[in-house]
Protein backbone atom coordinates (compact mmCIF):
# COMPACT_ATOMS: atom_id res chain seq x y z
CA MET A 1 131.61 -43.53 31.31
CA PRO A 2 127.96 -42.75 30.41
CA LYS A 3 125.17 -45.29 30.35
CA VAL A 4 124.49 -47.03 27.04
CA LYS A 5 120.93 -46.42 25.90
CA THR A 6 118.62 -48.99 24.32
CA HIS A 7 117.29 -48.17 20.86
CA SER A 8 113.86 -46.57 21.44
CA ARG A 9 112.04 -48.17 18.50
CA ALA A 10 113.56 -51.57 19.18
CA LYS A 11 112.29 -51.74 22.75
CA LYS A 12 108.76 -50.98 21.48
CA THR A 13 108.95 -53.43 18.57
CA PHE A 14 110.64 -56.55 19.94
CA LYS A 15 109.87 -58.71 22.96
CA VAL A 16 112.18 -61.28 24.50
CA THR A 17 110.40 -64.50 25.48
CA GLY A 18 111.18 -66.61 28.52
CA SER A 19 113.22 -69.03 26.44
CA GLY A 20 115.30 -66.17 24.99
CA ARG A 21 113.70 -65.92 21.55
CA ILE A 22 112.92 -62.48 20.18
CA THR A 23 109.43 -61.94 18.76
CA PHE A 24 107.70 -59.06 16.99
CA ARG A 25 104.27 -58.17 15.62
CA LYS A 26 104.07 -58.56 11.85
CA PRO A 27 103.70 -55.34 9.86
CA THR A 28 100.80 -54.19 7.63
CA ARG A 29 98.11 -55.35 10.09
CA GLY A 30 97.12 -51.91 11.37
CA HIS A 31 94.97 -50.43 8.59
CA LEU A 32 93.60 -50.96 5.06
CA LEU A 33 92.40 -54.43 5.98
CA THR A 34 89.46 -54.58 3.56
CA LYS A 35 91.64 -55.18 0.52
CA LYS A 36 93.66 -57.93 2.21
CA SER A 37 92.45 -61.51 1.96
CA THR A 38 91.24 -63.39 5.02
CA LYS A 39 94.08 -65.87 4.60
CA ARG A 40 96.64 -63.08 4.58
CA LYS A 41 95.16 -61.38 7.66
CA ARG A 42 95.06 -64.69 9.51
CA ALA A 43 98.74 -65.27 8.73
CA LEU A 44 99.59 -61.78 10.00
CA ARG A 45 98.04 -62.53 13.39
CA ILE A 46 100.87 -64.93 14.24
CA THR A 47 103.79 -63.22 15.95
CA GLY A 48 107.03 -63.35 14.01
CA GLN A 49 110.38 -64.51 15.30
CA VAL A 50 113.62 -62.75 14.44
CA GLY A 51 115.61 -64.86 12.01
CA GLN A 52 119.13 -66.08 12.57
CA ALA A 53 120.56 -63.60 10.05
CA ASN A 54 119.25 -60.57 11.98
CA LEU A 55 119.51 -61.90 15.53
CA ASP A 56 122.87 -60.32 16.39
CA PHE A 57 121.75 -56.95 15.04
CA VAL A 58 118.51 -56.94 17.05
CA LYS A 59 120.32 -58.04 20.20
CA ARG A 60 122.72 -55.15 19.74
CA LEU A 61 119.80 -52.71 19.44
CA LEU A 62 118.25 -54.15 22.62
CA ARG A 63 121.66 -54.19 24.35
CA LEU A 64 121.34 -57.89 25.20
CA LYS A 65 124.96 -58.73 24.43
């Protein structure tokens, strides 16, 4: 039986913390920052956590289950 491969984009996007939570960098922070408010950019700095609704799907992409 062949090896099961991890989803290429998922391994670049998500990171598993020591406690088992899955984090990601929030989108729209890479360019066109002049039109975004300071408050919005500050909120985008905080890393996001995968919600309960999508957790099983992301774990399947990362082959954690």
